[in-house]
């Protein structure tokens, strides 16, 4: 049972490093519009869509660094898990 007004979906656009630089913004707009349509307009693109390259993330981790995309993914997963736990707790305490 989802909390009122809160969504728990997380969409990961991987291999983002393969998108040509001059097409990044139009590709983001395209994905956002498509996902908004499927989520009935309840999507928060800033927190629910992650653009990343796992290849770059793995290389960075090998050198002890964390890429922005990987950090966004971890924060998104944390948010989804916490919202799910909160929802379950509220359901059981009603």
N, C-alpha and C. Protein backbone atom coordinates (compact mmCIF):
# COMPACT_ATOMS: atom_id res chain seq x y z
N UNK A 1 0.85 -1.17 0.00
CA UNK A 1 0.00 0.00 0.00
C UNK A 1 0.90 1.24 0.00
N UNK A 2 0.99 1.95 -1.12
CA UNK A 2 1.88 3.11 -1.19
C UNK A 2 1.35 4.28 -0.37
N UNK A 3 2.26 5.07 0.14
CA UNK A 3 1.88 6.26 0.88
C UNK A 3 1.26 7.26 -0.06
N UNK A 4 0.32 8.03 0.43
CA UNK A 4 -0.36 9.03 -0.38
C UNK A 4 0.65 10.04 -0.92
N UNK A 5 0.66 10.22 -2.24
CA UNK A 5 1.52 11.21 -2.86
C UNK A 5 2.98 10.81 -3.01
N UNK A 6 3.32 9.59 -2.64
CA UNK A 6 4.72 9.17 -2.76
C UNK A 6 4.83 8.01 -3.72
N UNK A 7 5.81 8.10 -4.56
CA UNK A 7 6.09 7.03 -5.51
C UNK A 7 7.36 6.33 -5.07
N UNK A 8 7.46 5.05 -5.42
CA UNK A 8 8.63 4.28 -5.02
C UNK A 8 9.41 3.75 -6.21
N UNK A 9 9.09 4.16 -7.41
CA UNK A 9 9.80 3.67 -8.58
C UNK A 9 11.13 4.36 -8.76
N UNK A 10 12.08 3.62 -9.30
CA UNK A 10 13.40 4.15 -9.61
C UNK A 10 13.77 3.63 -11.00
N UNK A 11 14.09 4.53 -11.90
CA UNK A 11 14.42 4.17 -13.26
C UNK A 11 15.89 4.48 -13.52
N UNK A 12 16.62 3.47 -13.99
CA UNK A 12 18.06 3.62 -14.22
C UNK A 12 18.33 3.56 -15.71
N UNK A 13 18.90 4.64 -16.23
CA UNK A 13 19.31 4.69 -17.63
C UNK A 13 20.81 4.41 -17.65
N UNK A 14 21.15 3.16 -17.98
CA UNK A 14 22.54 2.72 -17.99
C UNK A 14 23.16 2.99 -19.36
N UNK A 15 24.45 2.82 -19.44
CA UNK A 15 25.23 3.05 -20.66
C UNK A 15 25.07 4.49 -21.15
N UNK A 16 24.88 5.40 -20.22
CA UNK A 16 24.65 6.79 -20.56
C UNK A 16 25.87 7.41 -21.24
N UNK A 17 27.03 6.82 -21.05
CA UNK A 17 28.24 7.32 -21.69
C UNK A 17 28.22 7.10 -23.21
N UNK A 18 27.32 6.25 -23.70
CA UNK A 18 27.23 6.00 -25.14
C UNK A 18 26.35 7.00 -25.87
N UNK A 19 25.63 7.83 -25.14
CA UNK A 19 24.78 8.86 -25.76
C UNK A 19 25.67 10.02 -26.18
N UNK A 20 25.59 10.43 -27.45
CA UNK A 20 26.41 11.56 -27.90
C UNK A 20 26.10 12.82 -27.08
N UNK A 21 27.14 13.58 -26.78
CA UNK A 21 27.00 14.77 -25.91
C UNK A 21 25.93 15.74 -26.41
N UNK A 22 25.83 15.90 -27.73
CA UNK A 22 24.85 16.85 -28.26
C UNK A 22 23.41 16.32 -28.21
N UNK A 23 23.23 15.07 -27.82
CA UNK A 23 21.90 14.48 -27.73
C UNK A 23 21.45 14.19 -26.30
N UNK A 24 22.29 14.50 -25.33
CA UNK A 24 21.99 14.15 -23.93
C UNK A 24 20.69 14.80 -23.46
N UNK A 25 20.55 16.10 -23.64
CA UNK A 25 19.36 16.80 -23.14
C UNK A 25 18.09 16.33 -23.84
N UNK A 26 18.15 16.13 -25.15
CA UNK A 26 16.94 15.67 -25.85
C UNK A 26 16.59 14.23 -25.44
N UNK A 27 17.61 13.41 -25.20
CA UNK A 27 17.35 12.04 -24.74
C UNK A 27 16.72 12.05 -23.34
N UNK A 28 17.23 12.91 -22.45
CA UNK A 28 16.65 13.01 -21.11
C UNK A 28 15.19 13.47 -21.19
N UNK A 29 14.93 14.47 -22.02
CA UNK A 29 13.55 14.95 -22.20
C UNK A 29 12.65 13.84 -22.72
N UNK A 30 13.15 13.09 -23.69
CA UNK A 30 12.38 11.98 -24.27
C UNK A 30 12.04 10.93 -23.21
N UNK A 31 13.03 10.49 -22.44
CA UNK A 31 12.80 9.48 -21.41
C UNK A 31 11.84 10.00 -20.34
N UNK A 32 12.03 11.25 -19.95
CA UNK A 32 11.16 11.84 -18.92
C UNK A 32 9.71 11.87 -19.39
N UNK A 33 9.48 12.31 -20.63
CA UNK A 33 8.11 12.36 -21.16
C UNK A 33 7.50 10.97 -21.21
N UNK A 34 8.25 9.98 -21.68
CA UNK A 34 7.74 8.60 -21.76
C UNK A 34 7.40 8.06 -20.38
N UNK A 35 8.31 8.26 -19.42
CA UNK A 35 8.07 7.75 -18.07
C UNK A 35 6.93 8.50 -17.39
N UNK A 36 6.80 9.80 -17.64
CA UNK A 36 5.68 10.57 -17.08
C UNK A 36 4.36 10.01 -17.58
N UNK A 37 4.33 9.63 -18.85
CA UNK A 37 3.11 9.09 -19.44
C UNK A 37 2.71 7.78 -18.75
N UNK A 38 3.68 6.91 -18.49
CA UNK A 38 3.40 5.62 -17.87
C UNK A 38 3.12 5.73 -16.37
N UNK A 39 3.55 6.81 -15.75
CA UNK A 39 3.33 6.97 -14.30
C UNK A 39 2.18 7.93 -14.01
N UNK A 40 1.40 8.25 -15.01
CA UNK A 40 0.26 9.17 -14.85
C UNK A 40 0.69 10.52 -14.28
N UNK A 41 1.88 10.98 -14.64
CA UNK A 41 2.36 12.29 -14.22
C UNK A 41 2.85 12.36 -12.79
N UNK A 42 3.00 11.23 -12.11
CA UNK A 42 3.43 11.23 -10.71
C UNK A 42 4.93 11.01 -10.55
N UNK A 43 5.65 11.09 -11.62
CA UNK A 43 7.09 10.85 -11.58
C UNK A 43 7.84 12.13 -11.20
N UNK A 44 8.81 12.00 -10.31
CA UNK A 44 9.71 13.10 -9.98
C UNK A 44 11.04 12.80 -10.66
N UNK A 45 11.27 13.40 -11.83
CA UNK A 45 12.49 13.07 -12.60
C UNK A 45 13.79 13.29 -11.83
N UNK A 46 13.82 14.29 -10.95
CA UNK A 46 15.05 14.59 -10.22
C UNK A 46 15.45 13.46 -9.27
N UNK A 47 14.46 12.80 -8.68
CA UNK A 47 14.80 11.78 -7.69
C UNK A 47 14.54 10.35 -8.16
N UNK A 48 13.79 10.19 -9.26
CA UNK A 48 13.42 8.84 -9.67
C UNK A 48 14.07 8.36 -10.96
N UNK A 49 14.81 9.22 -11.63
CA UNK A 49 15.52 8.80 -12.84
C UNK A 49 17.02 9.00 -12.61
N UNK A 50 17.78 7.93 -12.83
CA UNK A 50 19.23 7.97 -12.65
C UNK A 50 19.88 7.71 -14.01
N UNK A 51 20.79 8.58 -14.39
CA UNK A 51 21.54 8.43 -15.63
C UNK A 51 22.97 8.08 -15.25
N UNK A 52 23.44 6.92 -15.71
CA UNK A 52 24.79 6.51 -15.31
C UNK A 52 25.42 5.56 -16.31
N UNK A 53 26.68 5.32 -16.10
CA UNK A 53 27.45 4.34 -16.86
C UNK A 53 28.08 3.39 -15.86
N UNK A 54 27.68 2.13 -15.91
CA UNK A 54 28.27 1.16 -14.98
C UNK A 54 29.75 0.95 -15.29
N UNK A 55 30.12 1.06 -16.56
CA UNK A 55 31.52 0.91 -16.94
C UNK A 55 32.38 1.96 -16.26
N UNK A 56 31.93 3.22 -16.33
CA UNK A 56 32.68 4.30 -15.68
C UNK A 56 32.65 4.16 -14.17
N UNK A 57 31.52 3.72 -13.63
CA UNK A 57 31.39 3.56 -12.18
C UNK A 57 32.36 2.50 -11.67
N UNK A 58 32.48 1.39 -12.38
CA UNK A 58 33.40 0.31 -11.97
C UNK A 58 34.85 0.78 -12.05
N UNK A 59 35.19 1.48 -13.13
CA UNK A 59 36.56 1.99 -13.26
C UNK A 59 36.88 2.95 -12.12
N UNK A 60 35.94 3.83 -11.81
CA UNK A 60 36.16 4.80 -10.73
C UNK A 60 36.31 4.09 -9.39
N UNK A 61 35.48 3.08 -9.14
CA UNK A 61 35.57 2.33 -7.88
C UNK A 61 36.91 1.65 -7.73
N UNK A 62 37.47 1.18 -8.85
CA UNK A 62 38.80 0.55 -8.80
C UNK A 62 39.88 1.52 -8.34
N UNK A 63 39.65 2.82 -8.54
CA UNK A 63 40.59 3.84 -8.11
C UNK A 63 40.16 4.52 -6.81
N UNK A 64 39.12 3.97 -6.18
CA UNK A 64 38.67 4.51 -4.91
C UNK A 64 37.76 5.72 -5.01
N UNK A 65 37.19 5.93 -6.19
CA UNK A 65 36.30 7.08 -6.39
C UNK A 65 34.87 6.60 -6.65
N UNK A 66 33.93 7.50 -6.48
CA UNK A 66 32.53 7.20 -6.75
C UNK A 66 32.01 8.21 -7.76
N UNK A 67 31.42 7.72 -8.85
CA UNK A 67 30.89 8.63 -9.86
C UNK A 67 29.57 9.23 -9.39
N UNK A 68 29.21 10.34 -9.98
CA UNK A 68 27.96 11.01 -9.64
C UNK A 68 26.76 10.12 -9.93
N UNK A 69 26.81 9.39 -11.05
CA UNK A 69 25.71 8.49 -11.40
C UNK A 69 25.54 7.37 -10.39
N UNK A 70 26.64 6.78 -9.95
CA UNK A 70 26.58 5.71 -8.97
C UNK A 70 26.06 6.22 -7.63
N UNK A 71 26.50 7.41 -7.25
CA UNK A 71 26.02 8.02 -6.01
C UNK A 71 24.52 8.30 -6.10
N UNK A 72 24.06 8.76 -7.25
CA UNK A 72 22.62 8.99 -7.45
C UNK A 72 21.84 7.68 -7.35
N UNK A 73 22.40 6.62 -7.90
CA UNK A 73 21.75 5.31 -7.82
C UNK A 73 21.64 4.85 -6.36
N UNK A 74 22.71 4.96 -5.61
CA UNK A 74 22.70 4.54 -4.21
C UNK A 74 21.71 5.37 -3.40
N UNK A 75 21.67 6.69 -3.64
CA UNK A 75 20.71 7.54 -2.95
C UNK A 75 19.28 7.20 -3.33
N UNK A 76 19.05 6.89 -4.61
CA UNK A 76 17.73 6.50 -5.06
C UNK A 76 17.28 5.19 -4.44
N UNK A 77 18.17 4.22 -4.38
CA UNK A 77 17.84 2.94 -3.74
C UNK A 77 17.53 3.13 -2.26
N UNK A 78 18.33 3.95 -1.60
CA UNK A 78 18.09 4.23 -0.18
C UNK A 78 16.70 4.83 0.01
N UNK A 79 16.35 5.77 -0.83
CA UNK A 79 15.04 6.43 -0.74
C UNK A 79 13.90 5.43 -0.96
N UNK A 80 14.04 4.58 -1.97
CA UNK A 80 13.01 3.59 -2.27
C UNK A 80 12.83 2.63 -1.09
N UNK A 81 13.92 2.16 -0.53
CA UNK A 81 13.85 1.22 0.59
C UNK A 81 13.22 1.89 1.81
N UNK A 82 13.64 3.11 2.12
CA UNK A 82 13.09 3.81 3.28
C UNK A 82 11.59 4.08 3.12
N UNK A 83 11.16 4.47 1.92
CA UNK A 83 9.74 4.72 1.69
C UNK A 83 8.94 3.42 1.80
N UNK A 84 9.51 2.34 1.34
CA UNK A 84 8.84 1.05 1.44
C UNK A 84 8.68 0.63 2.90
N UNK A 85 9.73 0.79 3.68
CA UNK A 85 9.67 0.45 5.10
C UNK A 85 8.63 1.32 5.81
N UNK A 86 8.65 2.60 5.53
CA UNK A 86 7.69 3.51 6.15
C UNK A 86 6.26 3.13 5.79
N UNK A 87 6.04 2.80 4.53
CA UNK A 87 4.71 2.40 4.08
C UNK A 87 4.24 1.15 4.81
N UNK A 88 5.11 0.16 4.93
CA UNK A 88 4.75 -1.08 5.62
C UNK A 88 4.46 -0.84 7.10
N UNK A 89 5.27 0.00 7.72
CA UNK A 89 5.04 0.31 9.13
C UNK A 89 3.69 1.01 9.32
N UNK A 90 3.39 1.96 8.46
CA UNK A 90 2.11 2.67 8.57
C UNK A 90 0.94 1.72 8.33
N UNK A 91 1.11 0.79 7.41
CA UNK A 91 0.05 -0.17 7.13
C UNK A 91 -0.21 -1.05 8.35
N UNK A 92 0.84 -1.51 8.99
CA UNK A 92 0.68 -2.43 10.13
C UNK A 92 0.25 -1.72 11.40
N UNK A 93 0.48 -0.41 11.51
CA UNK A 93 0.12 0.31 12.72
C UNK A 93 -1.27 0.95 12.62
N UNK A 94 -1.99 0.74 11.54
CA UNK A 94 -3.34 1.33 11.40
C UNK A 94 -4.35 0.52 12.14
